[in-house]
């Protein structure tokens, strides 16, 4: 994954993404869901694209839960981390 910002931006537009397998991809899929984060192994083929497009077609009126990436939640998590580590 070269740029996770593009993945998050695309998800924020309520569009599923197709990304190559990686630790980041699996973590993002765990957080947002397999309906939103489609992962492929190996080569990107026409079959992989068709499968992802078919899965994405059912998501038109849905919205991914991106609460994990909320700035307030991130700030609170870091604040707690610093509080714990400085004790």
PDB file of N, CA and C in Angstrom:
ATOM      1  N   UNK A   1       0.857  -1.169   0.000  1.00  0.00           N
ATOM      2  CA  UNK A   1       0.000   0.000   0.000  1.00  0.00           C
ATOM      3  C   UNK A   1       0.897   1.224   0.000  1.00  0.00           C
ATOM      4  N   UNK A   2       0.801   2.004  -1.031  1.00  0.00           N
ATOM      5  CA  UNK A   2       1.643   3.175  -1.141  1.00  0.00           C
ATOM      6  C   UNK A   2       1.084   4.403  -0.460  1.00  0.00           C
ATOM      7  N   UNK A   3      -0.261   4.529  -0.417  1.00  0.00           N
ATOM      8  CA  UNK A   3      -0.840   5.738   0.137  1.00  0.00           C
ATOM      9  C   UNK A   3      -2.202   5.421   0.741  1.00  0.00           C
ATOM     10  N   UNK A   4      -2.228   5.263   2.054  1.00  0.00           N
ATOM     11  CA  UNK A   4      -3.487   4.944   2.720  1.00  0.00           C
ATOM     12  C   UNK A   4      -4.463   6.111   2.685  1.00  0.00           C
ATOM     13  N   UNK A   5      -3.961   7.321   2.468  1.00  0.00           N
ATOM     14  CA  UNK A   5      -4.846   8.477   2.384  1.00  0.00           C
ATOM     15  C   UNK A   5      -5.852   8.348   1.260  1.00  0.00           C
ATOM     16  N   UNK A   6      -5.432   7.791   0.143  1.00  0.00           N
ATOM     17  CA  UNK A   6      -6.343   7.592  -0.988  1.00  0.00           C
ATOM     18  C   UNK A   6      -7.419   6.577  -0.611  1.00  0.00           C
ATOM     19  N   UNK A   7      -7.033   5.517   0.083  1.00  0.00           N
ATOM     20  CA  UNK A   7      -8.002   4.506   0.511  1.00  0.00           C
ATOM     21  C   UNK A   7      -9.036   5.132   1.443  1.00  0.00           C
ATOM     22  N   UNK A   8      -8.584   5.890   2.432  1.00  0.00           N
ATOM     23  CA  UNK A   8      -9.520   6.514   3.367  1.00  0.00           C
ATOM     24  C   UNK A   8     -10.382   7.569   2.688  1.00  0.00           C
ATOM     25  N   UNK A   9      -9.792   8.328   1.781  1.00  0.00           N
ATOM     26  CA  UNK A   9     -10.574   9.325   1.044  1.00  0.00           C
ATOM     27  C   UNK A   9     -11.686   8.648   0.251  1.00  0.00           C
ATOM     28  N   UNK A  10     -11.347   7.573  -0.436  1.00  0.00           N
ATOM     29  CA  UNK A  10     -12.338   6.859  -1.240  1.00  0.00           C
ATOM     30  C   UNK A  10     -13.445   6.292  -0.357  1.00  0.00           C
ATOM     31  N   UNK A  11     -13.073   5.709   0.766  1.00  0.00           N
ATOM     32  CA  UNK A  11     -14.086   5.201   1.693  1.00  0.00           C
ATOM     33  C   UNK A  11     -14.967   6.331   2.223  1.00  0.00           C
ATOM     34  N   UNK A  12     -14.387   7.512   2.440  1.00  0.00           N
ATOM     35  CA  UNK A  12     -15.174   8.643   2.941  1.00  0.00           C
ATOM     36  C   UNK A  12     -16.192   9.125   1.913  1.00  0.00           C
ATOM     37  N   UNK A  13     -15.996   8.739   0.660  1.00  0.00           N
ATOM     38  CA  UNK A  13     -16.960   9.052  -0.395  1.00  0.00           C
ATOM     39  C   UNK A  13     -17.990   7.927  -0.560  1.00  0.00           C
ATOM     40  N   UNK A  14     -17.994   7.011   0.410  1.00  0.00           N
ATOM     41  CA  UNK A  14     -18.922   5.878   0.425  1.00  0.00           C
ATOM     42  C   UNK A  14     -18.729   4.955  -0.773  1.00  0.00           C
ATOM     43  N   UNK A  15     -17.467   4.753  -1.123  1.00  0.00           N
ATOM     44  CA  UNK A  15     -17.106   3.864  -2.226  1.00  0.00           C
ATOM     45  C   UNK A  15     -16.217   2.746  -1.707  1.00  0.00           C
ATOM     46  N   UNK A  16     -16.557   1.489  -1.989  1.00  0.00           N
ATOM     47  CA  UNK A  16     -15.669   0.389  -1.614  1.00  0.00           C
ATOM     48  C   UNK A  16     -14.339   0.500  -2.352  1.00  0.00           C
ATOM     49  N   UNK A  17     -13.313  -0.105  -1.775  1.00  0.00           N
ATOM     50  CA  UNK A  17     -11.992  -0.067  -2.394  1.00  0.00           C
ATOM     51  C   UNK A  17     -11.498  -1.483  -2.666  1.00  0.00           C
ATOM     52  N   UNK A  18     -10.619  -1.593  -3.627  1.00  0.00           N
ATOM     53  CA  UNK A  18      -9.940  -2.844  -3.968  1.00  0.00           C
ATOM     54  C   UNK A  18      -8.454  -2.579  -3.831  1.00  0.00           C
ATOM     55  N   UNK A  19      -7.807  -3.303  -2.908  1.00  0.00           N
ATOM     56  CA  UNK A  19      -6.389  -3.084  -2.654  1.00  0.00           C
ATOM     57  C   UNK A  19      -5.659  -4.421  -2.542  1.00  0.00           C
ATOM     58  N   UNK A  20      -4.359  -4.408  -2.854  1.00  0.00           N
ATOM     59  CA  UNK A  20      -3.587  -5.653  -2.730  1.00  0.00           C
ATOM     60  C   UNK A  20      -3.428  -6.062  -1.266  1.00  0.00           C
ATOM     61  N   UNK A  21      -3.277  -7.350  -1.069  1.00  0.00           N
ATOM     62  CA  UNK A  21      -3.108  -7.890   0.275  1.00  0.00           C
ATOM     63  C   UNK A  21      -1.840  -7.334   0.922  1.00  0.00           C
ATOM     64  N   UNK A  22      -1.971  -6.941   2.167  1.00  0.00           N
ATOM     65  CA  UNK A  22      -0.855  -6.456   2.983  1.00  0.00           C
ATOM     66  C   UNK A  22      -1.344  -6.415   4.424  1.00  0.00           C
ATOM     67  N   UNK A  23      -0.437  -6.268   5.374  1.00  0.00           N
ATOM     68  CA  UNK A  23      -0.895  -6.115   6.764  1.00  0.00           C
ATOM     69  C   UNK A  23      -1.824  -4.909   6.921  1.00  0.00           C
ATOM     70  N   UNK A  24      -1.512  -3.799   6.245  1.00  0.00           N
ATOM     71  CA  UNK A  24      -2.373  -2.611   6.310  1.00  0.00           C
ATOM     72  C   UNK A  24      -3.754  -2.925   5.742  1.00  0.00           C
ATOM     73  N   UNK A  25      -3.805  -3.602   4.597  1.00  0.00           N
ATOM     74  CA  UNK A  25      -5.085  -3.928   3.964  1.00  0.00           C
ATOM     75  C   UNK A  25      -5.945  -4.781   4.886  1.00  0.00           C
ATOM     76  N   UNK A  26      -5.340  -5.773   5.521  1.00  0.00           N
ATOM     77  CA  UNK A  26      -6.097  -6.654   6.419  1.00  0.00           C
ATOM     78  C   UNK A  26      -6.586  -5.893   7.651  1.00  0.00           C
ATOM     79  N   UNK A  27      -5.759  -5.007   8.178  1.00  0.00           N
ATOM     80  CA  UNK A  27      -6.188  -4.210   9.331  1.00  0.00           C
ATOM     81  C   UNK A  27      -7.333  -3.275   8.950  1.00  0.00           C
ATOM     82  N   UNK A  28      -7.206  -2.622   7.805  1.00  0.00           N
ATOM     83  CA  UNK A  28      -8.267  -1.729   7.345  1.00  0.00           C
ATOM     84  C   UNK A  28      -9.558  -2.512   7.126  1.00  0.00           C
ATOM     85  N   UNK A  29      -9.453  -3.702   6.563  1.00  0.00           N
ATOM     86  CA  UNK A  29     -10.632  -4.536   6.349  1.00  0.00           C
ATOM     87  C   UNK A  29     -11.260  -4.935   7.688  1.00  0.00           C
ATOM     88  N   UNK A  30     -10.436  -5.238   8.681  1.00  0.00           N
ATOM     89  CA  UNK A  30     -10.952  -5.574  10.009  1.00  0.00           C
ATOM     90  C   UNK A  30     -11.717  -4.411  10.622  1.00  0.00           C
ATOM     91  N   UNK A  31     -11.228  -3.200  10.409  1.00  0.00           N
ATOM     92  CA  UNK A  31     -11.837  -2.012  11.009  1.00  0.00           C
ATOM     93  C   UNK A  31     -13.101  -1.583  10.262  1.00  0.00           C
ATOM     94  N   UNK A  32     -13.039  -1.551   8.942  1.00  0.00           N
ATOM     95  CA  UNK A  32     -14.138  -0.999   8.143  1.00  0.00           C
ATOM     96  C   UNK A  32     -15.101  -2.079   7.650  1.00  0.00           C
ATOM     97  N   UNK A  33     -14.585  -3.281   7.407  1.00  0.00           N
ATOM     98  CA  UNK A  33     -15.447  -4.372   6.962  1.00  0.00           C
ATOM     99  C   UNK A  33     -15.103  -4.864   5.569  1.00  0.00           C
ATOM    100  N   UNK A  34     -15.334  -6.158   5.366  1.00  0.00           N
ATOM    101  CA  UNK A  34     -15.017  -6.795   4.084  1.00  0.00           C
ATOM    102  C   UNK A  34     -15.918  -6.313   2.955  1.00  0.00           C
ATOM    103  N   UNK A  35     -17.092  -5.771   3.280  1.00  0.00           N
ATOM    104  CA  UNK A  35     -17.951  -5.211   2.226  1.00  0.00           C
ATOM    105  C   UNK A  35     -17.339  -3.959   1.618  1.00  0.00           C
ATOM    106  N   UNK A  36     -16.516  -3.266   2.407  1.00  0.00           N
ATOM    107  CA  UNK A  36     -15.937  -1.997   1.970  1.00  0.00           C
ATOM    108  C   UNK A  36     -14.502  -2.114   1.494  1.00  0.00           C
ATOM    109  N   UNK A  37     -13.753  -3.027   2.071  1.00  0.00           N
ATOM    110  CA  UNK A  37     -12.344  -3.187   1.712  1.00  0.00           C
ATOM    111  C   UNK A  37     -12.171  -4.561   1.070  1.00  0.00           C
ATOM    112  N   UNK A  38     -12.041  -4.557  -0.241  1.00  0.00           N
ATOM    113  CA  UNK A  38     -11.849  -5.788  -0.998  1.00  0.00           C
ATOM    114  C   UNK A  38     -10.349  -5.977  -1.194  1.00  0.00           C
ATOM    115  N   UNK A  39      -9.867  -7.151  -0.833  1.00  0.00           N
ATOM    116  CA  UNK A  39      -8.441  -7.456  -0.904  1.00  0.00           C
ATOM    117  C   UNK A  39      -8.218  -8.544  -1.945  1.00  0.00           C
ATOM    118  N   UNK A  40      -7.175  -8.367  -2.746  1.00  0.00           N
ATOM    119  CA  UNK A  40      -6.834  -9.417  -3.708  1.00  0.00           C
ATOM    120  C   UNK A  40      -5.401  -9.879  -3.484  1.00  0.00           C
ATOM    121  N   UNK A  41      -5.173 -11.133  -3.816  1.00  0.00           N
ATOM    122  CA  UNK A  41      -3.850 -11.753  -3.725  1.00  0.00           C
ATOM    123  C   UNK A  41      -3.277 -11.906  -5.115  1.00  0.00           C
ATOM    124  N   UNK A  42      -1.988 -11.708  -5.259  1.00  0.00           N
ATOM    125  CA  UNK A  42      -1.338 -11.939  -6.548  1.00  0.00           C
ATOM    126  C   UNK A  42      -1.647 -10.853  -7.565  1.00  0.00           C
ATOM    127  N   UNK A  43      -1.834 -11.309  -8.798  1.00  0.00           N
ATOM    128  CA  UNK A  43      -2.057 -10.383  -9.917  1.00  0.00           C
ATOM    129  C   UNK A  43      -3.466  -9.786  -9.897  1.00  0.00           C
ATOM    130  N   UNK A  44      -3.561  -8.540 -10.322  1.00  0.00           N
ATOM    131  CA  UNK A  44      -4.855  -7.897 -10.513  1.00  0.00           C
ATOM    132  C   UNK A  44      -5.352  -8.307 -11.888  1.00  0.00           C
ATOM    133  N   UNK A  45      -6.389  -9.117 -11.914  1.00  0.00           N
ATOM    134  CA  UNK A  45      -6.904  -9.663 -13.168  1.00  0.00           C
ATOM    135  C   UNK A  45      -8.309  -9.146 -13.430  1.00  0.00           C
ATOM    136  N   UNK A  46      -8.800  -9.427 -14.614  1.00  0.00           N
ATOM    137  CA  UNK A  46     -10.171  -9.056 -14.962  1.00  0.00           C
ATOM    138  C   UNK A  46     -11.167  -9.735 -14.028  1.00  0.00           C
ATOM    139  N   UNK A  47     -10.894 -10.974 -13.654  1.00  0.00           N
ATOM    140  CA  UNK A  47     -11.793 -11.690 -12.740  1.00  0.00           C
ATOM    141  C   UNK A  47     -11.831 -11.022 -11.367  1.00  0.00           C
ATOM    142  N   UNK A  48     -10.670 -10.589 -10.885  1.00  0.00           N
ATOM    143  CA  UNK A  48     -10.607  -9.895  -9.595  1.00  0.00           C
ATOM    144  C   UNK A  48     -11.419  -8.603  -9.666  1.00  0.00           C
ATOM    145  N   UNK A  49     -11.244  -7.846 -10.735  1.00  0.00           N
ATOM    146  CA  UNK A  49     -11.998  -6.601 -10.904  1.00  0.00           C
ATOM    147  C   UNK A  49     -13.496  -6.857 -10.996  1.00  0.00           C
ATOM    148  N   UNK A  50     -13.892  -7.855 -11.756  1.00  0.00           N
ATOM    149  CA  UNK A  50     -15.319  -8.172 -11.926  1.00  0.00           C
ATOM    150  C   UNK A  50     -15.943  -8.575 -10.593  1.00  0.00           C
ATOM    151  N   UNK A  51     -15.227  -9.394  -9.830  1.00  0.00           N
ATOM    152  CA  UNK A  51     -15.728  -9.813  -8.527  1.00  0.00           C
ATOM    153  C   UNK A  51     -15.910  -8.607  -7.605  1.00  0.00           C
ATOM    154  N   UNK A  52     -14.932  -7.730  -7.578  1.00  0.00           N
ATOM    155  CA  UNK A  52     -15.010  -6.553  -6.723  1.00  0.00           C
ATOM    156  C   UNK A  52     -16.150  -5.631  -7.157  1.00  0.00           C
ATOM    157  N   UNK A  53     -16.301  -5.442  -8.449  1.00  0.00           N
ATOM    158  CA  UNK A  53     -17.402  -4.610  -8.952  1.00  0.00           C
ATOM    159  C   UNK A  53     -18.758  -5.209  -8.608  1.00  0.00           C
ATOM    160  N   UNK A  54     -18.870  -6.509  -8.711  1.00  0.00           N
ATOM    161  CA  UNK A  54     -20.130  -7.175  -8.361  1.00  0.00           C
ATOM    162  C   UNK A  54     -20.455  -6.980  -6.887  1.00  0.00           C
ATOM    163  N   UNK A  55     -19.450  -7.130  -6.042  1.00  0.00           N
ATOM    164  CA  UNK A  55     -19.653  -6.939  -4.605  1.00  0.00           C
ATOM    165  C   UNK A  55     -19.994  -5.486  -4.288  1.00  0.00           C
ATOM    166  N   UNK A  56     -19.370  -4.557  -4.980  1.00  0.00           N
ATOM    167  CA  UNK A  56     -19.586  -3.133  -4.717  1.00  0.00           C
ATOM    168  C   UNK A  56     -20.963  -2.662  -5.163  1.00  0.00           C
ATOM    169  N   UNK A  57     -21.547  -3.333  -6.135  1.00  0.00           N
ATOM    170  CA  UNK A  57     -22.833  -2.866  -6.661  1.00  0.00           C
ATOM    171  C   UNK A  57     -23.938  -2.892  -5.610  1.00  0.00           C
ATOM    172  N   UNK A  58     -23.825  -3.709  -4.602  1.00  0.00           N
ATOM    173  CA  UNK A  58     -24.819  -3.766  -3.546  1.00  0.00           C
ATOM    174  C   UNK A  58     -24.617  -2.742  -2.446  1.00  0.00           C
ATOM    175  N   UNK A  59     -23.633  -1.882  -2.588  1.00  0.00           N
ATOM    176  CA  UNK A  59     -23.290  -0.936  -1.523  1.00  0.00           C
ATOM    177  C   UNK A  59     -23.731   0.499  -1.826  1.00  0.00           C
ATOM    178  N   UNK A  60     -24.498   0.700  -2.870  1.00  0.00           N
ATOM    179  CA  UNK A  60     -24.795   2.051  -3.349  1.00  0.00           C
ATOM    180  C   UNK A  60     -25.419   2.972  -2.305  1.00  0.00           C
ATOM    181  N   UNK A  61     -26.306   2.475  -1.477  1.00  0.00           N
ATOM    182  CA  UNK A  61     -26.994   3.339  -0.514  1.00  0.00           C
ATOM    183  C   UNK A  61     -26.474   3.166   0.911  1.00  0.00           C
ATOM    184  N   UNK A  62     -25.305   2.552   1.056  1.00  0.00           N
ATOM    185  CA  UNK A  62     -24.746   2.292   2.377  1.00  0.00           C
ATOM    186  C   UNK A  62     -23.568   3.223   2.660  1.00  0.00           C
ATOM    187  N   UNK A  63     -23.230   3.334   3.930  1.00  0.00           N
ATOM    188  CA  UNK A  63     -22.145   4.213   4.371  1.00  0.00           C
ATOM    189  C   UNK A  63     -21.216   3.404   5.279  1.00  0.00           C
ATOM    190  N   UNK A  64     -19.904   3.443   5.013  1.00  0.00           N
ATOM    191  CA  UNK A  64     -18.988   2.700   5.887  1.00  0.00           C
ATOM    192  C   UNK A  64     -18.857   3.378   7.251  1.00  0.00           C
ATOM    193  N   UNK A  65     -18.605   2.590   8.266  1.00  0.00           N
ATOM    194  CA  UNK A  65     -18.355   3.140   9.594  1.00  0.00           C
ATOM    195  C   UNK A  65     -16.874   3.497   9.690  1.00  0.00           C
ATOM    196  N   UNK A  66     -16.588   4.787   9.620  1.00  0.00           N
ATOM    197  CA  UNK A  66     -15.209   5.274   9.703  1.00  0.00           C
ATOM    198  C   UNK A  66     -14.926   5.927  11.059  1.00  0.00           C
ATOM    199  N   UNK A  67     -15.738   5.583  12.056  1.00  0.00           N
ATOM    200  CA  UNK A  67     -15.587   6.170  13.385  1.00  0.00           C
ATOM    201  C   UNK A  67     -14.214   5.940  13.996  1.00  0.00           C
ATOM    202  N   UNK A  68     -13.580   4.844  13.632  1.00  0.00           N
ATOM    203  CA  UNK A  68     -12.238   4.529  14.122  1.00  0.00           C
ATOM    204  C   UNK A  68     -11.247   5.631  13.733  1.00  0.00           C
ATOM    205  N   UNK A  69     -11.527   6.340  12.656  1.00  0.00           N
ATOM    206  CA  UNK A  69     -10.620   7.363  12.138  1.00  0.00           C
ATOM    207  C   UNK A  69     -11.058   8.781  12.509  1.00  0.00           C
ATOM    208  N   UNK A  70     -12.033   8.904  13.390  1.00  0.00           N
ATOM    209  CA  UNK A  70     -12.525  10.208  13.840  1.00  0.00           C
ATOM    210  C   UNK A  70     -11.416  10.947  14.586  1.00  0.00           C
ATOM    211  N   UNK A  71     -11.212  12.210  14.248  1.00  0.00           N
ATOM    212  CA  UNK A  71     -10.119  12.982  14.845  1.00  0.00           C
ATOM    213  C   UNK A  71     -10.240  13.071  16.357  1.00  0.00           C
ATOM    214  N   UNK A  72     -11.457  13.246  16.864  1.00  0.00           N
ATOM    215  CA  UNK A  72     -11.629  13.333  18.317  1.00  0.00           C
ATOM    216  C   UNK A  72     -11.258  12.013  18.985  1.00  0.00           C
ATOM    217  N   UNK A  73     -11.660  10.895  18.373  1.00  0.00           N
ATOM    218  CA  UNK A  73     -11.328   9.576  18.931  1.00  0.00           C
ATOM    219  C   UNK A  73      -9.816   9.336  18.885  1.00  0.00           C
ATOM    220  N   UNK A  74      -9.189   9.714  17.798  1.00  0.00           N
ATOM    221  CA  UNK A  74      -7.731   9.553  17.680  1.00  0.00           C
ATOM    222  C   UNK A  74      -7.020  10.405  18.729  1.00  0.00           C
ATOM    223  N   UNK A  75      -7.452  11.645  18.880  1.00  0.00           N
ATOM    224  CA  UNK A  75      -6.856  12.529  19.881  1.00  0.00           C
ATOM    225  C   UNK A  75      -7.013  11.984  21.287  1.00  0.00           C
ATOM    226  N   UNK A  76      -8.186  11.458  21.604  1.00  0.00           N
ATOM    227  CA  UNK A  76      -8.423  10.887  22.932  1.00  0.00           C
ATOM    228  C   UNK A  76      -7.539   9.661  23.153  1.00  0.00           C
ATOM    229  N   UNK A  77      -7.364   8.838  22.125  1.00  0.00           N
ATOM    230  CA  UNK A  77      -6.509   7.653  22.248  1.00  0.00           C
ATOM    231  C   UNK A  77      -5.064   8.039  22.514  1.00  0.00           C
ATOM    232  N   UNK A  78      -4.571   9.028  21.775  1.00  0.00           N
ATOM    233  CA  UNK A  78      -3.188   9.476  21.996  1.00  0.00           C
ATOM    234  C   UNK A  78      -3.024  10.104  23.371  1.00  0.00           C
ATOM    235  N   UNK A  79      -4.011  10.876  23.792  1.00  0.00           N
ATOM    236  CA  UNK A  79      -3.952  11.492  25.112  1.00  0.00           C
ATOM    237  C   UNK A  79      -3.872  10.421  26.193  1.00  0.00           C
ATOM    238  N   UNK A  80      -4.683   9.376  26.052  1.00  0.00           N
ATOM    239  CA  UNK A  80      -4.657   8.271  27.018  1.00  0.00           C
ATOM    240  C   UNK A  80      -3.309   7.549  26.985  1.00  0.00           C
ATOM    241  N   UNK A  81      -2.788   7.327  25.801  1.00  0.00           N
ATOM    242  CA  UNK A  81      -1.491   6.664  25.675  1.00  0.00           C
ATOM    243  C   UNK A  81      -0.391   7.462  26.376  1.00  0.00           C
ATOM    244  N   UNK A  82      -0.364   8.775  26.143  1.00  0.00           N
ATOM    245  CA  UNK A  82       0.655   9.609  26.782  1.00  0.00           C
ATOM    246  C   UNK A  82       0.465   9.671  28.291  1.00  0.00           C
ATOM    247  N   UNK A  83      -0.781   9.658  28.735  1.00  0.00           N
ATOM    248  CA  UNK A  83      -1.068   9.678  30.165  1.00  0.00           C
ATOM    249  C   UNK A  83      -0.534   8.397  30.814  1.00  0.00           C
ATOM    250  N   UNK A  84      -0.775   7.268  30.184  1.00  0.00           N
ATOM    251  CA  UNK A  84      -0.333   5.982  30.724  1.00  0.00           C
ATOM    252  C   UNK A  84       1.185   5.885  30.732  1.00  0.00           C
ATOM    253  N   UNK A  85       1.820   6.286  29.626  1.00  0.00           N
ATOM    254  CA  UNK A  85       3.268   6.134  29.518  1.00  0.00           C
ATOM    255  C   UNK A  85       4.040   7.137  30.370  1.00  0.00           C
ATOM    256  N   UNK A  86       3.427   8.240  30.725  1.00  0.00           N
ATOM    257  CA  UNK A  86       4.138   9.229  31.538  1.00  0.00           C
ATOM    258  C   UNK A  86       3.887   9.025  33.029  1.00  0.00           C
ATOM    259  N   UNK A  87       3.083   8.041  33.366  1.00  0.00           N
ATOM    260  CA  UNK A  87       2.794   7.773  34.793  1.00  0.00           C
ATOM    261  C   UNK A  87       3.906   7.024  35.459  1.00  0.00           C
TER     262      UNK A  87
END
